[in-house]
N, C-alpha and C. Protein backbone atom coordinates (compact mmCIF):
# COMPACT_ATOMS: atom_id res chain seq x y z
N MET A 1 123.13 107.90 111.26
CA MET A 1 122.15 107.81 110.19
C MET A 1 122.65 108.40 108.88
N LYS A 2 123.68 109.22 108.95
CA LYS A 2 124.19 109.84 107.74
C LYS A 2 124.66 108.81 106.72
N ASP A 3 124.95 107.60 107.17
CA ASP A 3 125.37 106.54 106.25
C ASP A 3 124.27 106.15 105.27
N TYR A 4 123.05 106.48 105.60
CA TYR A 4 121.91 106.11 104.77
C TYR A 4 121.44 107.25 103.86
N PHE A 5 122.22 108.32 103.81
CA PHE A 5 121.87 109.48 103.02
C PHE A 5 123.10 109.97 102.26
N SER A 6 122.86 110.62 101.12
CA SER A 6 123.96 111.24 100.39
C SER A 6 123.54 112.65 99.96
N TYR A 7 124.52 113.53 99.90
CA TYR A 7 124.24 114.92 99.54
C TYR A 7 124.02 115.03 98.05
N ASN A 8 122.92 115.67 97.67
CA ASN A 8 122.61 115.90 96.27
C ASN A 8 122.95 117.36 95.95
N ASN A 9 124.01 117.56 95.19
CA ASN A 9 124.47 118.91 94.86
C ASN A 9 123.41 119.72 94.14
N ARG A 10 122.68 119.09 93.25
CA ARG A 10 121.67 119.80 92.46
C ARG A 10 120.56 120.35 93.34
N LEU A 11 120.13 119.55 94.32
CA LEU A 11 119.02 119.95 95.18
C LEU A 11 119.46 120.69 96.43
N GLY A 12 120.70 120.48 96.83
CA GLY A 12 121.22 121.15 98.01
C GLY A 12 120.75 120.54 99.32
N ILE A 13 120.38 119.24 99.29
CA ILE A 13 119.95 118.54 100.50
C ILE A 13 120.50 117.12 100.49
N LEU A 14 120.43 116.49 101.67
CA LEU A 14 120.71 115.06 101.76
C LEU A 14 119.47 114.32 101.31
N ILE A 15 119.66 113.24 100.54
CA ILE A 15 118.54 112.39 100.14
C ILE A 15 118.86 110.95 100.52
N PRO A 16 117.81 110.12 100.70
CA PRO A 16 118.06 108.73 101.06
C PRO A 16 118.92 108.02 100.01
N SER A 17 119.83 107.21 100.50
CA SER A 17 120.71 106.42 99.64
C SER A 17 120.87 105.06 100.32
N LEU A 18 119.86 104.25 100.18
CA LEU A 18 119.81 102.98 100.90
C LEU A 18 120.52 101.88 100.12
N SER A 19 121.29 101.09 100.84
CA SER A 19 122.10 100.03 100.21
C SER A 19 121.31 98.74 100.02
N LYS A 20 120.13 98.66 100.63
CA LYS A 20 119.30 97.47 100.48
C LYS A 20 117.84 97.86 100.56
N GLU A 21 116.97 96.90 100.34
CA GLU A 21 115.53 97.16 100.37
C GLU A 21 115.09 97.59 101.77
N TRP A 22 114.08 98.44 101.82
CA TRP A 22 113.58 98.99 103.07
C TRP A 22 113.24 97.88 104.09
N ASP A 23 112.54 96.86 103.63
CA ASP A 23 112.11 95.79 104.54
C ASP A 23 113.26 94.95 105.07
N ASP A 24 114.44 95.07 104.47
CA ASP A 24 115.62 94.33 104.95
C ASP A 24 116.29 95.01 106.15
N PHE A 25 115.90 96.23 106.46
CA PHE A 25 116.42 96.91 107.65
C PHE A 25 115.58 96.52 108.85
N ASP A 26 116.22 96.39 110.01
CA ASP A 26 115.43 96.09 111.21
C ASP A 26 114.65 97.34 111.62
N ASP A 27 113.66 97.14 112.47
CA ASP A 27 112.74 98.21 112.85
C ASP A 27 113.47 99.41 113.46
N GLU A 28 114.47 99.16 114.25
CA GLU A 28 115.20 100.26 114.90
C GLU A 28 115.91 101.14 113.88
N VAL A 29 116.53 100.51 112.89
CA VAL A 29 117.21 101.27 111.84
C VAL A 29 116.18 102.03 111.00
N GLN A 30 115.07 101.38 110.68
CA GLN A 30 114.01 102.06 109.92
C GLN A 30 113.52 103.30 110.66
N GLN A 31 113.29 103.17 111.95
CA GLN A 31 112.83 104.32 112.74
C GLN A 31 113.88 105.43 112.74
N GLY A 32 115.15 105.06 112.87
CA GLY A 32 116.21 106.06 112.85
C GLY A 32 116.29 106.78 111.52
N ILE A 33 116.16 106.03 110.45
CA ILE A 33 116.19 106.62 109.11
C ILE A 33 115.02 107.58 108.94
N LEU A 34 113.83 107.15 109.36
CA LEU A 34 112.64 108.00 109.23
C LEU A 34 112.78 109.28 110.05
N LEU A 35 113.30 109.15 111.27
CA LEU A 35 113.48 110.33 112.11
C LEU A 35 114.47 111.30 111.49
N TYR A 36 115.57 110.78 110.97
CA TYR A 36 116.59 111.62 110.33
C TYR A 36 116.00 112.28 109.08
N TRP A 37 115.25 111.50 108.30
CA TRP A 37 114.63 112.04 107.08
C TRP A 37 113.63 113.14 107.42
N GLU A 38 112.87 112.97 108.50
CA GLU A 38 111.91 114.00 108.87
C GLU A 38 112.61 115.32 109.18
N LYS A 39 113.78 115.26 109.77
CA LYS A 39 114.55 116.48 110.04
C LYS A 39 114.97 117.13 108.73
N ILE A 40 115.45 116.32 107.80
CA ILE A 40 115.85 116.85 106.49
C ILE A 40 114.62 117.39 105.77
N ARG A 41 113.57 116.60 105.77
CA ARG A 41 112.33 116.95 105.07
C ARG A 41 111.77 118.27 105.57
N GLY A 42 111.91 118.52 106.87
CA GLY A 42 111.41 119.76 107.44
C GLY A 42 112.10 120.99 106.88
N GLY A 43 113.32 120.83 106.37
CA GLY A 43 114.04 121.95 105.79
C GLY A 43 113.79 122.17 104.31
N ILE A 44 113.08 121.24 103.68
CA ILE A 44 112.83 121.35 102.23
C ILE A 44 112.06 122.62 101.87
N PRO A 45 111.00 122.99 102.59
CA PRO A 45 110.32 124.25 102.23
C PRO A 45 111.24 125.47 102.29
N ASP A 46 112.18 125.48 103.24
CA ASP A 46 113.14 126.59 103.31
C ASP A 46 114.05 126.60 102.09
N ARG A 47 114.47 125.41 101.67
CA ARG A 47 115.32 125.30 100.47
C ARG A 47 114.55 125.78 99.24
N ILE A 48 113.29 125.42 99.16
CA ILE A 48 112.45 125.86 98.04
C ILE A 48 112.32 127.38 98.05
N ALA A 49 112.14 127.96 99.22
CA ALA A 49 112.02 129.42 99.33
C ALA A 49 113.30 130.10 98.85
N GLU A 50 114.46 129.51 99.18
CA GLU A 50 115.74 130.07 98.70
C GLU A 50 115.78 130.08 97.18
N LEU A 51 115.39 128.95 96.58
CA LEU A 51 115.42 128.86 95.12
C LEU A 51 114.42 129.82 94.49
N GLU A 52 113.27 129.99 95.12
CA GLU A 52 112.28 130.93 94.60
C GLU A 52 112.81 132.36 94.60
N GLN A 53 113.58 132.71 95.62
CA GLN A 53 114.19 134.05 95.66
C GLN A 53 115.16 134.24 94.51
N VAL A 54 115.94 133.19 94.20
CA VAL A 54 116.87 133.27 93.08
C VAL A 54 116.10 133.42 91.77
N ILE A 55 115.00 132.67 91.64
CA ILE A 55 114.17 132.78 90.44
C ILE A 55 113.64 134.20 90.30
N ASN A 56 113.15 134.76 91.39
CA ASN A 56 112.61 136.13 91.33
C ASN A 56 113.66 137.13 90.87
N LYS A 57 114.88 137.00 91.36
CA LYS A 57 115.97 137.89 90.94
C LYS A 57 116.26 137.72 89.45
N LYS A 58 116.28 136.47 89.01
CA LYS A 58 116.55 136.21 87.59
C LYS A 58 115.41 136.72 86.71
N GLN A 59 114.17 136.62 87.19
CA GLN A 59 113.03 137.15 86.44
C GLN A 59 113.10 138.67 86.36
N ASP A 60 113.54 139.31 87.45
CA ASP A 60 113.71 140.76 87.41
C ASP A 60 114.78 141.14 86.40
N ALA A 61 115.89 140.39 86.40
CA ALA A 61 116.96 140.65 85.44
C ALA A 61 116.47 140.41 84.01
N LEU A 62 115.66 139.40 83.84
CA LEU A 62 115.13 139.07 82.52
C LEU A 62 114.24 140.19 81.98
N SER A 63 113.46 140.80 82.85
CA SER A 63 112.55 141.86 82.39
C SER A 63 113.31 143.09 81.91
N ASP A 64 114.56 143.26 82.38
CA ASP A 64 115.38 144.39 81.96
C ASP A 64 116.41 144.03 80.89
N GLU A 65 116.44 142.76 80.52
CA GLU A 65 117.48 142.29 79.59
C GLU A 65 117.05 142.51 78.14
N SER A 66 117.92 143.16 77.37
CA SER A 66 117.62 143.40 75.95
C SER A 66 118.42 142.48 75.03
N ASP A 67 119.45 141.85 75.55
CA ASP A 67 120.27 140.93 74.75
C ASP A 67 119.56 139.58 74.66
N PHE A 68 119.29 139.15 73.42
CA PHE A 68 118.54 137.91 73.21
C PHE A 68 119.25 136.70 73.81
N ILE A 69 120.55 136.58 73.58
CA ILE A 69 121.32 135.44 74.08
C ILE A 69 121.27 135.40 75.60
N LYS A 70 121.46 136.53 76.24
CA LYS A 70 121.41 136.59 77.70
C LYS A 70 120.01 136.26 78.20
N SER A 71 118.98 136.69 77.49
CA SER A 71 117.60 136.36 77.85
C SER A 71 117.37 134.86 77.82
N CYS A 72 117.90 134.23 76.79
CA CYS A 72 117.78 132.77 76.68
C CYS A 72 118.49 132.06 77.82
N GLU A 73 119.67 132.56 78.18
CA GLU A 73 120.42 131.98 79.30
C GLU A 73 119.64 132.12 80.60
N LEU A 74 119.08 133.29 80.83
CA LEU A 74 118.29 133.51 82.05
C LEU A 74 117.06 132.60 82.08
N ASN A 75 116.39 132.47 80.94
CA ASN A 75 115.23 131.57 80.86
C ASN A 75 115.63 130.13 81.18
N SER A 76 116.75 129.71 80.66
CA SER A 76 117.25 128.36 80.92
C SER A 76 117.57 128.16 82.41
N GLU A 77 118.21 129.15 83.01
CA GLU A 77 118.53 129.07 84.44
C GLU A 77 117.26 129.03 85.28
N ILE A 78 116.27 129.81 84.91
CA ILE A 78 114.99 129.82 85.63
C ILE A 78 114.31 128.46 85.51
N ALA A 79 114.34 127.90 84.32
CA ALA A 79 113.73 126.59 84.11
C ALA A 79 114.42 125.52 84.95
N GLU A 80 115.75 125.58 85.04
CA GLU A 80 116.49 124.61 85.85
C GLU A 80 116.13 124.76 87.33
N LEU A 81 116.04 125.97 87.81
CA LEU A 81 115.66 126.20 89.21
C LEU A 81 114.24 125.70 89.48
N ALA A 82 113.34 125.94 88.54
CA ALA A 82 111.96 125.45 88.69
C ALA A 82 111.94 123.92 88.72
N SER A 83 112.78 123.30 87.93
CA SER A 83 112.88 121.84 87.93
C SER A 83 113.39 121.33 89.28
N GLN A 84 114.34 122.03 89.86
CA GLN A 84 114.84 121.66 91.19
C GLN A 84 113.73 121.77 92.23
N ILE A 85 112.94 122.83 92.14
CA ILE A 85 111.83 123.00 93.07
C ILE A 85 110.84 121.86 92.94
N ASN A 86 110.50 121.50 91.71
CA ASN A 86 109.58 120.39 91.49
C ASN A 86 110.11 119.10 92.10
N GLU A 87 111.39 118.84 91.91
CA GLU A 87 111.99 117.63 92.46
C GLU A 87 112.01 117.67 93.99
N LEU A 88 112.28 118.83 94.56
CA LEU A 88 112.24 118.96 96.02
C LEU A 88 110.84 118.67 96.56
N TRP A 89 109.81 119.16 95.87
CA TRP A 89 108.44 118.86 96.32
C TRP A 89 108.17 117.37 96.25
N LEU A 90 108.69 116.70 95.22
CA LEU A 90 108.52 115.25 95.14
C LEU A 90 109.17 114.55 96.33
N TRP A 91 110.38 114.96 96.68
CA TRP A 91 111.05 114.39 97.85
C TRP A 91 110.27 114.70 99.12
N PHE A 92 109.72 115.88 99.21
CA PHE A 92 108.95 116.26 100.39
C PHE A 92 107.73 115.35 100.54
N ARG A 93 107.03 115.10 99.44
CA ARG A 93 105.85 114.22 99.48
C ARG A 93 106.24 112.77 99.70
N THR A 94 107.38 112.35 99.19
CA THR A 94 107.85 110.98 99.39
C THR A 94 108.01 110.70 100.88
N GLY A 95 108.49 111.67 101.61
CA GLY A 95 108.64 111.52 103.05
C GLY A 95 107.31 111.26 103.73
N GLN A 96 106.27 111.93 103.28
CA GLN A 96 104.94 111.71 103.86
C GLN A 96 104.51 110.27 103.62
N ASP A 97 104.75 109.75 102.42
CA ASP A 97 104.38 108.38 102.10
C ASP A 97 105.11 107.38 103.00
N LEU A 98 106.40 107.58 103.20
CA LEU A 98 107.16 106.68 104.04
C LEU A 98 106.64 106.68 105.47
N SER A 99 106.35 107.85 106.00
CA SER A 99 105.87 107.96 107.37
C SER A 99 104.52 107.28 107.52
N VAL A 100 103.62 107.47 106.55
CA VAL A 100 102.30 106.87 106.62
C VAL A 100 102.41 105.35 106.55
N LYS A 101 103.22 104.83 105.63
CA LYS A 101 103.37 103.39 105.48
C LYS A 101 103.93 102.78 106.76
N LYS A 102 104.85 103.44 107.39
CA LYS A 102 105.48 102.91 108.59
C LYS A 102 104.50 102.86 109.75
N HIS A 103 103.57 103.79 109.81
CA HIS A 103 102.64 103.86 110.93
C HIS A 103 101.37 103.05 110.70
N VAL A 104 101.16 102.55 109.52
CA VAL A 104 99.93 101.78 109.22
C VAL A 104 100.11 100.35 109.66
């Protein structure tokens, strides 16, 4: 099933990378993809928790930072991590949609 996924460096997880439309896959392949995705999807909250810990450390550093340039850099890094978290939640919810559509 790994052939249907690619590693996203920014998010730190495998994401679907399908070479054709979903309906063009036979049912067995679709089920395999969904099962594999559910395993990946189950780890997304853990990945989000890791990023939140990094944000918390950067926020602590920011509260003690007196250099304006460094403060701006920390704010930018925090914003990027928050953006990654938002995107991870989108992927997490996308998995729910796929599972529901497949079972309806």
